[in-house]
């Protein structure tokens, strides 16, 4: 569900609550006005001060409606703040074992340049390598532990020169697959990094 849809639903709920509160306020005001015009033979009593009924009911109605609107807006603001805090991306990359697992999922993937799925396959391999590189840099086991795989990915980055277009990835297809396969072999020799 998109953020826009969530926000629209919350706004609709808030407006519905405001309308319900306003309707209740008008009904309460009408009841108060009706009760204030009732007369008894005994009168209200000497200890009850006289207040004009229409001014009091209208003021109470406006105050209740304003409070209902403020409460509804506060509810929407609180829901938006909670959603925004939960939508923030993680500040750290995935653990090395998780990033390696997603790279391993591409091991049997290959393609012929120019075919329909080649852009997807090459883009995915590149993205998985970049994610693993970020993980290795963020979670080093000891200084220089991931030195070789990070160096291979740095060499690949220099080869690509920041151009991740389909044409450039197809041009450097063998380097992409070669780097993926070298890293897989290296990681197989370091099972403590992914188990």
N, C-alpha and C. Protein backbone atom coordinates (compact mmCIF):
# COMPACT_ATOMS: atom_id res chain seq x y z
N UNK A 1 0.86 -1.16 0.00
CA UNK A 1 0.00 0.00 0.00
C UNK A 1 0.91 1.23 0.00
N UNK A 2 0.60 2.20 -0.85
CA UNK A 2 1.47 3.37 -0.96
C UNK A 2 1.24 4.33 0.20
N UNK A 3 2.24 5.18 0.40
CA UNK A 3 2.16 6.18 1.46
C UNK A 3 0.99 7.12 1.20
N UNK A 4 0.77 7.45 -0.06
CA UNK A 4 -0.33 8.34 -0.42
C UNK A 4 -1.68 7.73 -0.04
N UNK A 5 -1.83 6.43 -0.30
CA UNK A 5 -3.08 5.75 0.05
C UNK A 5 -3.29 5.71 1.56
N UNK A 6 -2.23 5.42 2.29
CA UNK A 6 -2.33 5.38 3.75
C UNK A 6 -2.72 6.74 4.29
N UNK A 7 -2.05 7.79 3.78
CA UNK A 7 -2.35 9.14 4.24
C UNK A 7 -3.79 9.53 3.90
N UNK A 8 -4.26 9.16 2.71
CA UNK A 8 -5.63 9.48 2.31
C UNK A 8 -6.64 8.78 3.22
N UNK A 9 -6.38 7.53 3.56
CA UNK A 9 -7.29 6.80 4.44
C UNK A 9 -7.31 7.42 5.84
N UNK A 10 -6.17 7.82 6.32
CA UNK A 10 -6.12 8.42 7.67
C UNK A 10 -6.82 9.77 7.68
N UNK A 11 -6.63 10.53 6.61
CA UNK A 11 -7.30 11.82 6.52
C UNK A 11 -8.80 11.64 6.46
N UNK A 12 -9.25 10.64 5.69
CA UNK A 12 -10.68 10.36 5.59
C UNK A 12 -11.24 9.97 6.95
N UNK A 13 -10.51 9.13 7.69
CA UNK A 13 -10.97 8.74 9.02
C UNK A 13 -11.04 9.95 9.94
N UNK A 14 -10.06 10.82 9.86
CA UNK A 14 -10.05 12.00 10.73
C UNK A 14 -11.23 12.92 10.39
N UNK A 15 -11.49 13.08 9.10
CA UNK A 15 -12.63 13.92 8.72
C UNK A 15 -13.95 13.30 9.18
N UNK A 16 -14.05 11.99 9.08
CA UNK A 16 -15.27 11.31 9.55
C UNK A 16 -15.45 11.53 11.05
N UNK A 17 -14.36 11.44 11.80
CA UNK A 17 -14.44 11.69 13.24
C UNK A 17 -14.86 13.12 13.52
N UNK A 18 -14.30 14.07 12.74
CA UNK A 18 -14.65 15.48 12.96
C UNK A 18 -16.14 15.71 12.66
N UNK A 19 -16.63 15.11 11.58
CA UNK A 19 -18.04 15.27 11.24
C UNK A 19 -18.94 14.68 12.33
N UNK A 20 -18.56 13.51 12.83
CA UNK A 20 -19.35 12.87 13.88
C UNK A 20 -19.35 13.73 15.13
N UNK A 21 -18.20 14.28 15.49
CA UNK A 21 -18.11 15.14 16.67
C UNK A 21 -18.92 16.41 16.47
N UNK A 22 -18.85 16.97 15.27
CA UNK A 22 -19.61 18.19 14.99
C UNK A 22 -21.11 17.90 15.05
N UNK A 23 -21.54 16.77 14.49
CA UNK A 23 -22.96 16.41 14.54
C UNK A 23 -23.43 16.21 15.96
N UNK A 24 -22.62 15.57 16.78
CA UNK A 24 -22.95 15.36 18.18
C UNK A 24 -23.03 16.70 18.91
N UNK A 25 -22.14 17.59 18.57
CA UNK A 25 -22.13 18.92 19.19
C UNK A 25 -23.39 19.70 18.84
N UNK A 26 -23.79 19.65 17.57
CA UNK A 26 -25.01 20.35 17.15
C UNK A 26 -26.23 19.75 17.85
N UNK A 27 -26.26 18.42 17.94
CA UNK A 27 -27.38 17.76 18.61
C UNK A 27 -27.41 18.14 20.09
N UNK A 28 -26.26 18.15 20.73
CA UNK A 28 -26.19 18.55 22.13
C UNK A 28 -26.63 20.00 22.30
N UNK A 29 -26.17 20.85 21.40
CA UNK A 29 -26.57 22.26 21.46
C UNK A 29 -28.07 22.43 21.30
N UNK A 30 -28.68 21.67 20.39
CA UNK A 30 -30.12 21.75 20.17
C UNK A 30 -30.87 21.29 21.42
N UNK A 31 -30.34 20.24 22.04
CA UNK A 31 -30.99 19.75 23.27
C UNK A 31 -30.88 20.80 24.37
N UNK A 32 -29.74 21.42 24.48
CA UNK A 32 -29.57 22.44 25.51
C UNK A 32 -30.50 23.62 25.27
N UNK A 33 -30.61 24.01 24.01
CA UNK A 33 -31.50 25.13 23.70
C UNK A 33 -32.94 24.75 24.01
N UNK A 34 -33.31 23.51 23.68
CA UNK A 34 -34.68 23.05 23.95
C UNK A 34 -34.95 22.99 25.44
N UNK A 35 -33.97 22.57 26.20
CA UNK A 35 -34.16 22.45 27.66
C UNK A 35 -34.22 23.83 28.32
N UNK A 36 -33.51 24.77 27.78
CA UNK A 36 -33.49 26.09 28.42
C UNK A 36 -34.78 26.85 28.20
N UNK A 37 -35.57 26.47 27.18
CA UNK A 37 -36.81 27.19 26.94
C UNK A 37 -37.99 26.58 27.69
N UNK A 38 -37.78 25.46 28.36
CA UNK A 38 -38.86 24.83 29.12
C UNK A 38 -39.10 25.64 30.39
N UNK A 39 -40.35 25.89 30.64
CA UNK A 39 -40.69 26.64 31.85
C UNK A 39 -41.48 25.74 32.79
N UNK A 40 -41.29 25.94 34.03
CA UNK A 40 -42.07 25.20 35.03
C UNK A 40 -42.84 26.21 35.84
N UNK A 41 -43.78 25.72 36.57
CA UNK A 41 -44.57 26.64 37.39
C UNK A 41 -43.77 27.17 38.56
N UNK A 42 -42.75 26.40 38.96
CA UNK A 42 -41.96 26.84 40.09
C UNK A 42 -40.83 27.77 39.66
N UNK A 43 -40.45 27.76 38.37
CA UNK A 43 -39.33 28.60 37.92
C UNK A 43 -38.01 27.93 38.24
N UNK A 44 -36.92 28.53 37.81
CA UNK A 44 -35.62 27.91 38.00
C UNK A 44 -35.13 27.98 39.43
N UNK A 45 -35.64 28.82 40.24
CA UNK A 45 -35.16 28.94 41.60
C UNK A 45 -34.33 30.20 41.74
N UNK A 46 -34.28 30.72 42.92
CA UNK A 46 -33.58 31.98 43.15
C UNK A 46 -32.08 31.85 43.15
N UNK A 47 -31.55 30.65 43.36
CA UNK A 47 -30.10 30.49 43.43
C UNK A 47 -29.46 30.21 42.07
N UNK A 48 -30.26 30.14 40.97
CA UNK A 48 -29.74 29.88 39.64
C UNK A 48 -29.67 31.20 38.87
N UNK A 49 -28.46 31.61 38.46
CA UNK A 49 -28.35 32.88 37.70
C UNK A 49 -28.92 32.70 36.30
N UNK A 50 -29.41 33.77 35.75
CA UNK A 50 -30.00 33.75 34.42
C UNK A 50 -28.90 33.96 33.38
N UNK A 51 -28.84 33.06 32.37
CA UNK A 51 -27.91 33.20 31.25
C UNK A 51 -28.73 33.04 29.99
N UNK A 52 -28.51 33.91 29.02
CA UNK A 52 -29.27 33.83 27.76
C UNK A 52 -28.98 32.49 27.09
N UNK A 53 -30.03 31.70 26.83
CA UNK A 53 -29.84 30.35 26.32
C UNK A 53 -29.18 30.28 24.96
N UNK A 54 -29.51 31.15 24.04
CA UNK A 54 -28.97 31.04 22.69
C UNK A 54 -27.48 31.33 22.65
N UNK A 55 -26.99 32.28 23.40
CA UNK A 55 -25.57 32.62 23.42
C UNK A 55 -24.76 31.50 24.05
N UNK A 56 -25.27 30.93 25.14
CA UNK A 56 -24.57 29.86 25.83
C UNK A 56 -24.48 28.61 24.97
N UNK A 57 -25.57 28.20 24.34
CA UNK A 57 -25.60 26.99 23.52
C UNK A 57 -24.71 27.15 22.28
N UNK A 58 -24.76 28.30 21.65
CA UNK A 58 -23.93 28.53 20.46
C UNK A 58 -22.45 28.51 20.82
N UNK A 59 -22.08 29.13 21.94
CA UNK A 59 -20.68 29.14 22.37
C UNK A 59 -20.22 27.73 22.70
N UNK A 60 -21.07 26.97 23.39
CA UNK A 60 -20.71 25.59 23.74
C UNK A 60 -20.55 24.74 22.48
N UNK A 61 -21.43 24.96 21.50
CA UNK A 61 -21.36 24.22 20.25
C UNK A 61 -20.07 24.53 19.50
N UNK A 62 -19.74 25.83 19.41
CA UNK A 62 -18.50 26.21 18.72
C UNK A 62 -17.27 25.67 19.43
N UNK A 63 -17.26 25.73 20.75
CA UNK A 63 -16.11 25.24 21.51
C UNK A 63 -15.96 23.74 21.35
N UNK A 64 -17.07 23.00 21.39
CA UNK A 64 -17.00 21.55 21.24
C UNK A 64 -16.54 21.17 19.84
N UNK A 65 -17.01 21.89 18.82
CA UNK A 65 -16.61 21.60 17.45
C UNK A 65 -15.12 21.90 17.26
N UNK A 66 -14.65 23.02 17.80
CA UNK A 66 -13.23 23.37 17.70
C UNK A 66 -12.36 22.32 18.39
N UNK A 67 -12.82 21.85 19.55
CA UNK A 67 -12.07 20.82 20.28
C UNK A 67 -12.04 19.52 19.50
N UNK A 68 -13.17 19.14 18.89
CA UNK A 68 -13.22 17.91 18.10
C UNK A 68 -12.28 17.99 16.90
N UNK A 69 -12.25 19.13 16.23
CA UNK A 69 -11.35 19.31 15.09
C UNK A 69 -9.90 19.25 15.54
N UNK A 70 -9.58 19.88 16.66
CA UNK A 70 -8.20 19.86 17.17
C UNK A 70 -7.78 18.44 17.54
N UNK A 71 -8.69 17.69 18.19
CA UNK A 71 -8.38 16.31 18.56
C UNK A 71 -8.16 15.44 17.32
N UNK A 72 -9.00 15.61 16.31
CA UNK A 72 -8.88 14.82 15.09
C UNK A 72 -7.56 15.14 14.37
N UNK A 73 -7.20 16.42 14.31
CA UNK A 73 -5.95 16.81 13.65
C UNK A 73 -4.75 16.27 14.43
N UNK A 74 -4.83 16.31 15.75
CA UNK A 74 -3.74 15.78 16.57
C UNK A 74 -3.58 14.28 16.33
N UNK A 75 -4.70 13.58 16.16
CA UNK A 75 -4.65 12.14 15.89
C UNK A 75 -3.98 11.87 14.54
N UNK A 76 -4.34 12.64 13.51
CA UNK A 76 -3.73 12.49 12.19
C UNK A 76 -2.25 12.79 12.27
N UNK A 77 -1.87 13.87 12.96
CA UNK A 77 -0.46 14.23 13.09
C UNK A 77 0.32 13.15 13.80
N UNK A 78 -0.25 12.56 14.85
CA UNK A 78 0.43 11.50 15.59
C UNK A 78 0.61 10.26 14.72
N UNK A 79 -0.43 9.91 13.93
CA UNK A 79 -0.33 8.76 13.04
C UNK A 79 0.73 9.00 11.97
N UNK A 80 0.78 10.23 11.41
CA UNK A 80 1.78 10.55 10.40
C UNK A 80 3.19 10.49 10.98
N UNK A 81 3.37 11.00 12.19
CA UNK A 81 4.68 10.98 12.83
C UNK A 81 5.13 9.55 13.07
N UNK A 82 4.22 8.70 13.53
CA UNK A 82 4.57 7.30 13.77
C UNK A 82 4.92 6.60 12.46
N UNK A 83 4.16 6.86 11.41
CA UNK A 83 4.43 6.24 10.12
C UNK A 83 5.77 6.72 9.57
N UNK A 84 6.05 8.00 9.66
CA UNK A 84 7.29 8.54 9.14
C UNK A 84 8.48 7.95 9.87
N UNK A 85 8.38 7.74 11.18
CA UNK A 85 9.50 7.19 11.92
C UNK A 85 9.71 5.73 11.55
N UNK A 86 8.64 4.99 11.19
CA UNK A 86 8.79 3.59 10.82
C UNK A 86 9.18 3.43 9.36
N UNK A 87 9.01 4.48 8.52
CA UNK A 87 9.37 4.40 7.11
C UNK A 87 10.84 4.72 6.87
N UNK A 88 11.56 5.17 7.88
CA UNK A 88 12.95 5.54 7.67
C UNK A 88 13.76 4.29 7.34
N UNK A 89 14.63 4.41 6.34
CA UNK A 89 15.44 3.26 5.99
C UNK A 89 16.45 2.94 7.08
N UNK A 90 16.89 1.69 7.12
CA UNK A 90 17.88 1.31 8.10
C UNK A 90 19.17 2.09 7.84
N UNK A 91 19.84 2.49 8.90
CA UNK A 91 21.04 3.29 8.75
C UNK A 91 22.27 2.44 8.45
N UNK A 92 22.18 1.14 8.64
CA UNK A 92 23.32 0.27 8.39
C UNK A 92 22.94 -0.78 7.35
N UNK A 93 23.92 -1.22 6.57
CA UNK A 93 23.64 -2.27 5.58
C UNK A 93 23.32 -3.60 6.26
N UNK A 94 22.90 -4.55 5.46
CA UNK A 94 22.59 -5.89 5.97
C UNK A 94 23.86 -6.55 6.50
N UNK A 95 23.67 -7.54 7.35
CA UNK A 95 24.81 -8.33 7.83
C UNK A 95 25.47 -9.00 6.62
N UNK A 96 26.76 -9.29 6.74
CA UNK A 96 27.51 -9.90 5.63
C UNK A 96 26.86 -11.21 5.20
N UNK A 97 26.44 -12.04 6.15
CA UNK A 97 25.85 -13.34 5.77
C UNK A 97 24.58 -13.14 4.96
N UNK A 98 23.77 -12.10 5.32
CA UNK A 98 22.52 -11.86 4.59
C UNK A 98 22.80 -11.32 3.19
N UNK A 99 23.78 -10.41 3.09
CA UNK A 99 24.14 -9.87 1.77
C UNK A 99 24.74 -10.95 0.89
N UNK A 100 25.54 -11.83 1.48
CA UNK A 100 26.13 -12.93 0.71
C UNK A 100 25.05 -13.91 0.25
N UNK A 101 24.07 -14.15 1.08
CA UNK A 101 22.98 -15.07 0.71
C UNK A 101 22.23 -14.56 -0.52
N UNK A 102 21.99 -13.26 -0.58
CA UNK A 102 21.28 -12.72 -1.76
C UNK A 102 22.17 -12.77 -3.00
N UNK A 103 23.50 -12.61 -2.81
CA UNK A 103 24.42 -12.75 -3.95
C UNK A 103 24.44 -14.20 -4.42
N UNK A 104 24.45 -15.14 -3.49
CA UNK A 104 24.45 -16.56 -3.85
C UNK A 104 23.22 -16.94 -4.66
N UNK A 105 22.13 -16.24 -4.43
CA UNK A 105 20.91 -16.54 -5.17
C UNK A 105 21.07 -16.26 -6.67
N UNK A 106 22.13 -15.53 -7.04
CA UNK A 106 22.36 -15.22 -8.46
C UNK A 106 23.37 -16.16 -9.11
N UNK A 107 23.91 -17.13 -8.36
CA UNK A 107 25.02 -17.94 -8.87
C UNK A 107 24.72 -18.66 -10.18
N UNK A 108 23.54 -19.16 -10.35
CA UNK A 108 23.20 -19.87 -11.59
C UNK A 108 22.65 -18.94 -12.67
N UNK A 109 22.56 -17.67 -12.36
CA UNK A 109 22.01 -16.71 -13.33
C UNK A 109 23.10 -16.30 -14.33
N UNK A 110 22.75 -16.35 -15.57
CA UNK A 110 23.62 -15.88 -16.64
C UNK A 110 22.72 -15.36 -17.75
N UNK A 111 23.30 -14.72 -18.72
CA UNK A 111 22.46 -14.20 -19.80
C UNK A 111 23.32 -13.93 -21.03
N UNK A 112 22.65 -13.77 -22.13
CA UNK A 112 23.30 -13.41 -23.38
C UNK A 112 22.99 -11.95 -23.65
N UNK A 113 24.02 -11.12 -23.86
CA UNK A 113 23.75 -9.70 -24.12
C UNK A 113 22.74 -9.51 -25.24
N UNK A 114 21.83 -8.60 -25.00
CA UNK A 114 20.80 -8.29 -25.98
C UNK A 114 19.50 -9.03 -25.76
N UNK A 115 19.50 -10.06 -24.90
CA UNK A 115 18.25 -10.77 -24.64
C UNK A 115 17.43 -9.98 -23.63
N UNK A 116 16.16 -10.33 -23.54
CA UNK A 116 15.23 -9.58 -22.71
C UNK A 116 15.56 -9.52 -21.24
N UNK A 117 16.07 -10.63 -20.67
CA UNK A 117 16.29 -10.63 -19.24
C UNK A 117 17.72 -10.25 -18.85
N UNK A 118 18.59 -9.99 -19.79
CA UNK A 118 19.99 -9.72 -19.49
C UNK A 118 20.14 -8.44 -18.67
N UNK A 119 19.38 -7.43 -18.99
CA UNK A 119 19.47 -6.17 -18.23
C UNK A 119 19.11 -6.42 -16.77
N UNK A 120 18.08 -7.22 -16.54
CA UNK A 120 17.68 -7.53 -15.16
C UNK A 120 18.76 -8.32 -14.43
N UNK A 121 19.26 -9.38 -15.07
CA UNK A 121 20.25 -10.25 -14.43
C UNK A 121 21.52 -9.47 -14.09
N UNK A 122 22.03 -8.72 -15.04
CA UNK A 122 23.26 -7.96 -14.80
C UNK A 122 23.04 -6.87 -13.74
N UNK A 123 21.90 -6.20 -13.80
CA UNK A 123 21.60 -5.18 -12.80
C UNK A 123 21.49 -5.78 -11.41
N UNK A 124 20.89 -6.96 -11.33
CA UNK A 124 20.75 -7.61 -10.02
C UNK A 124 22.11 -8.04 -9.48
N UNK A 125 22.95 -8.64 -10.31
CA UNK A 125 24.27 -9.06 -9.86
C UNK A 125 25.06 -7.83 -9.38
N UNK A 126 24.99 -6.75 -10.14
CA UNK A 126 25.69 -5.52 -9.73
C UNK A 126 25.18 -5.02 -8.39
N UNK A 127 23.87 -4.97 -8.22
CA UNK A 127 23.28 -4.49 -6.97
C UNK A 127 23.66 -5.37 -5.79
N UNK A 128 23.66 -6.69 -6.00
CA UNK A 128 24.03 -7.61 -4.92
C UNK A 128 25.49 -7.46 -4.54
N UNK A 129 26.36 -7.26 -5.53
CA UNK A 129 27.78 -7.03 -5.23
C UNK A 129 27.97 -5.73 -4.46
N UNK A 130 27.26 -4.68 -4.86
CA UNK A 130 27.37 -3.40 -4.16
C UNK A 130 26.87 -3.52 -2.72
N UNK A 131 25.79 -4.27 -2.52
CA UNK A 131 25.26 -4.48 -1.17
C UNK A 131 26.23 -5.27 -0.30
N UNK A 132 26.86 -6.29 -0.88
CA UNK A 132 27.84 -7.08 -0.13
C UNK A 132 29.07 -6.24 0.22
N UNK A 133 29.49 -5.43 -0.72
CA UNK A 133 30.64 -4.55 -0.45
C UNK A 133 30.34 -3.61 0.72
N UNK A 134 29.15 -3.00 0.71
CA UNK A 134 28.76 -2.10 1.81
C UNK A 134 28.72 -2.86 3.13
N UNK A 135 28.21 -4.08 3.11
CA UNK A 135 28.15 -4.89 4.33
C UNK A 135 29.54 -5.23 4.84
N UNK A 136 30.42 -5.60 3.94
CA UNK A 136 31.78 -5.96 4.35
C UNK A 136 32.52 -4.76 4.94
N UNK A 137 32.26 -3.58 4.39
CA UNK A 137 32.91 -2.38 4.93
C UNK A 137 32.30 -1.96 6.26
N UNK A 138 31.01 -2.23 6.45
CA UNK A 138 30.33 -1.81 7.69
C UNK A 138 30.57 -2.79 8.83
N UNK A 139 30.81 -4.06 8.52
CA UNK A 139 30.95 -5.09 9.56
C UNK A 139 32.27 -5.85 9.41
N UNK A 140 33.39 -5.16 9.48
CA UNK A 140 34.65 -5.90 9.36
C UNK A 140 34.88 -6.76 10.60
N UNK A 141 35.34 -7.97 10.41
CA UNK A 141 35.60 -8.85 11.55
C UNK A 141 36.87 -8.42 12.27
N UNK A 142 37.81 -7.97 11.49
CA UNK A 142 39.09 -7.48 12.00
C UNK A 142 39.67 -6.63 10.88
N UNK A 143 40.64 -5.78 11.17
CA UNK A 143 41.21 -4.96 10.09
C UNK A 143 41.72 -5.83 8.94
N UNK A 144 41.25 -5.54 7.76
CA UNK A 144 41.71 -6.25 6.57
C UNK A 144 41.08 -7.61 6.35
N UNK A 145 40.07 -8.00 7.13
CA UNK A 145 39.49 -9.34 6.99
C UNK A 145 38.88 -9.55 5.60
N UNK A 146 38.16 -8.56 5.10
CA UNK A 146 37.51 -8.68 3.79
C UNK A 146 38.33 -7.99 2.70
N UNK A 147 39.63 -7.92 2.88
CA UNK A 147 40.50 -7.15 1.99
C UNK A 147 40.38 -7.61 0.53
N UNK A 148 40.47 -8.91 0.27
CA UNK A 148 40.44 -9.41 -1.11
C UNK A 148 39.11 -9.15 -1.80
N UNK A 149 37.97 -9.56 -1.20
CA UNK A 149 36.71 -9.33 -1.92
C UNK A 149 36.41 -7.84 -2.12
N UNK A 150 36.75 -7.01 -1.14
CA UNK A 150 36.52 -5.57 -1.30
C UNK A 150 37.40 -5.03 -2.43
N UNK A 151 38.64 -5.52 -2.53
CA UNK A 151 39.53 -5.08 -3.61
C UNK A 151 38.98 -5.49 -4.98
N UNK A 152 38.41 -6.71 -5.07
CA UNK A 152 37.85 -7.15 -6.35
C UNK A 152 36.65 -6.29 -6.74
N UNK A 153 35.83 -5.95 -5.75
CA UNK A 153 34.66 -5.11 -6.05
C UNK A 153 35.09 -3.69 -6.40
N UNK A 154 36.15 -3.19 -5.77
CA UNK A 154 36.67 -1.86 -6.10
C UNK A 154 37.19 -1.85 -7.53
N UNK A 155 37.88 -2.91 -7.93
CA UNK A 155 38.37 -3.02 -9.32
C UNK A 155 37.19 -3.02 -10.29
N UNK A 156 36.13 -3.76 -9.95
CA UNK A 156 34.94 -3.79 -10.80
C UNK A 156 34.33 -2.40 -10.90
N UNK A 157 34.25 -1.69 -9.77
CA UNK A 157 33.69 -0.33 -9.78
C UNK A 157 34.50 0.59 -10.69
N UNK A 158 35.81 0.46 -10.65
CA UNK A 158 36.67 1.29 -11.52
C UNK A 158 36.45 0.93 -12.99
N UNK A 159 36.27 -0.36 -13.25
CA UNK A 159 36.02 -0.80 -14.62
C UNK A 159 34.71 -0.22 -15.15
N UNK A 160 33.68 -0.24 -14.31
CA UNK A 160 32.36 0.27 -14.73
C UNK A 160 32.33 1.80 -14.78
N UNK A 161 33.22 2.47 -14.05
CA UNK A 161 33.32 3.93 -14.02
C UNK A 161 31.99 4.59 -13.65
N UNK A 162 31.24 3.94 -12.75
CA UNK A 162 29.98 4.51 -12.29
C UNK A 162 28.83 4.39 -13.27
N UNK A 163 29.07 3.81 -14.43
CA UNK A 163 28.03 3.67 -15.45
C UNK A 163 27.36 2.31 -15.30
N UNK A 164 26.13 2.32 -14.77
CA UNK A 164 25.41 1.06 -14.58
C UNK A 164 24.30 0.89 -15.63
N UNK A 165 24.49 1.51 -16.77
CA UNK A 165 23.51 1.35 -17.85
C UNK A 165 23.58 -0.09 -18.36
N UNK A 166 22.52 -0.54 -18.96
CA UNK A 166 22.47 -1.90 -19.49
C UNK A 166 23.59 -2.13 -20.49
N UNK A 167 23.82 -1.15 -21.34
CA UNK A 167 24.87 -1.28 -22.36
C UNK A 167 26.25 -1.50 -21.72
N UNK A 168 26.56 -0.71 -20.68
CA UNK A 168 27.87 -0.84 -20.03
C UNK A 168 27.97 -2.14 -19.23
N UNK A 169 26.87 -2.52 -18.57
CA UNK A 169 26.90 -3.79 -17.84
C UNK A 169 27.06 -4.98 -18.78
N UNK A 170 26.41 -4.92 -19.95
CA UNK A 170 26.58 -6.00 -20.93
C UNK A 170 28.01 -6.03 -21.46
N UNK A 171 28.59 -4.86 -21.64
CA UNK A 171 29.98 -4.76 -22.12
C UNK A 171 30.94 -5.42 -21.12
N UNK A 172 30.63 -5.27 -19.82
CA UNK A 172 31.51 -5.80 -18.77
C UNK A 172 30.87 -7.01 -18.06
N UNK A 173 30.09 -7.75 -18.82
CA UNK A 173 29.39 -8.91 -18.29
C UNK A 173 30.34 -9.93 -17.68
N UNK A 174 31.43 -10.22 -18.35
CA UNK A 174 32.37 -11.23 -17.83
C UNK A 174 33.03 -10.76 -16.53
N UNK A 175 33.29 -9.46 -16.39
CA UNK A 175 33.86 -8.94 -15.15
C UNK A 175 32.86 -9.04 -14.00
N UNK A 176 31.59 -8.75 -14.29
CA UNK A 176 30.55 -8.86 -13.26
C UNK A 176 30.43 -10.30 -12.76
N UNK A 177 30.25 -11.23 -13.69
CA UNK A 177 30.09 -12.64 -13.30
C UNK A 177 31.38 -13.18 -12.69
N UNK A 178 32.53 -12.75 -13.21
CA UNK A 178 33.80 -13.20 -12.66
C UNK A 178 34.00 -12.74 -11.22
N UNK A 179 33.65 -11.48 -10.94
CA UNK A 179 33.77 -10.97 -9.57
C UNK A 179 32.82 -11.71 -8.65
N UNK A 180 31.60 -11.93 -9.10
CA UNK A 180 30.62 -12.68 -8.30
C UNK A 180 31.15 -14.07 -7.96
N UNK A 181 31.71 -14.76 -8.95
CA UNK A 181 32.17 -16.12 -8.74
C UNK A 181 33.41 -16.17 -7.85
N UNK A 182 34.33 -15.21 -8.00
CA UNK A 182 35.52 -15.16 -7.15
C UNK A 182 35.13 -14.93 -5.69
N UNK A 183 34.17 -14.03 -5.49
CA UNK A 183 33.73 -13.75 -4.12
C UNK A 183 33.05 -14.98 -3.52
N UNK A 184 32.27 -15.67 -4.33
CA UNK A 184 31.62 -16.88 -3.84
C UNK A 184 32.66 -17.90 -3.39
N UNK A 185 33.70 -18.11 -4.20
CA UNK A 185 34.76 -19.05 -3.85
C UNK A 185 35.46 -18.62 -2.57
N UNK A 186 35.76 -17.33 -2.45
CA UNK A 186 36.43 -16.81 -1.25
C UNK A 186 35.57 -17.03 -0.01
N UNK A 187 34.28 -16.71 -0.11
CA UNK A 187 33.37 -16.86 1.03
C UNK A 187 33.22 -18.33 1.42
N UNK A 188 33.26 -19.23 0.45
CA UNK A 188 33.16 -20.65 0.78
C UNK A 188 34.35 -21.09 1.64
N UNK A 189 35.47 -20.41 1.48
CA UNK A 189 36.63 -20.69 2.30
C UNK A 189 36.59 -20.00 3.66
N UNK A 190 35.57 -19.16 3.87
CA UNK A 190 35.40 -18.44 5.15
C UNK A 190 33.97 -18.65 5.65
N UNK A 191 33.60 -19.89 5.96
CA UNK A 191 32.20 -20.18 6.33
C UNK A 191 31.74 -19.45 7.59
N UNK A 192 32.68 -19.05 8.45
CA UNK A 192 32.27 -18.33 9.67
C UNK A 192 31.64 -16.98 9.34
N UNK A 193 31.81 -16.50 8.12
CA UNK A 193 31.25 -15.20 7.74
C UNK A 193 29.79 -15.29 7.30
N UNK A 194 29.31 -16.48 7.02
CA UNK A 194 27.93 -16.54 6.53
C UNK A 194 27.10 -17.65 7.17
N UNK A 195 27.60 -18.28 8.20
CA UNK A 195 26.80 -19.31 8.86
C UNK A 195 26.47 -18.89 10.26
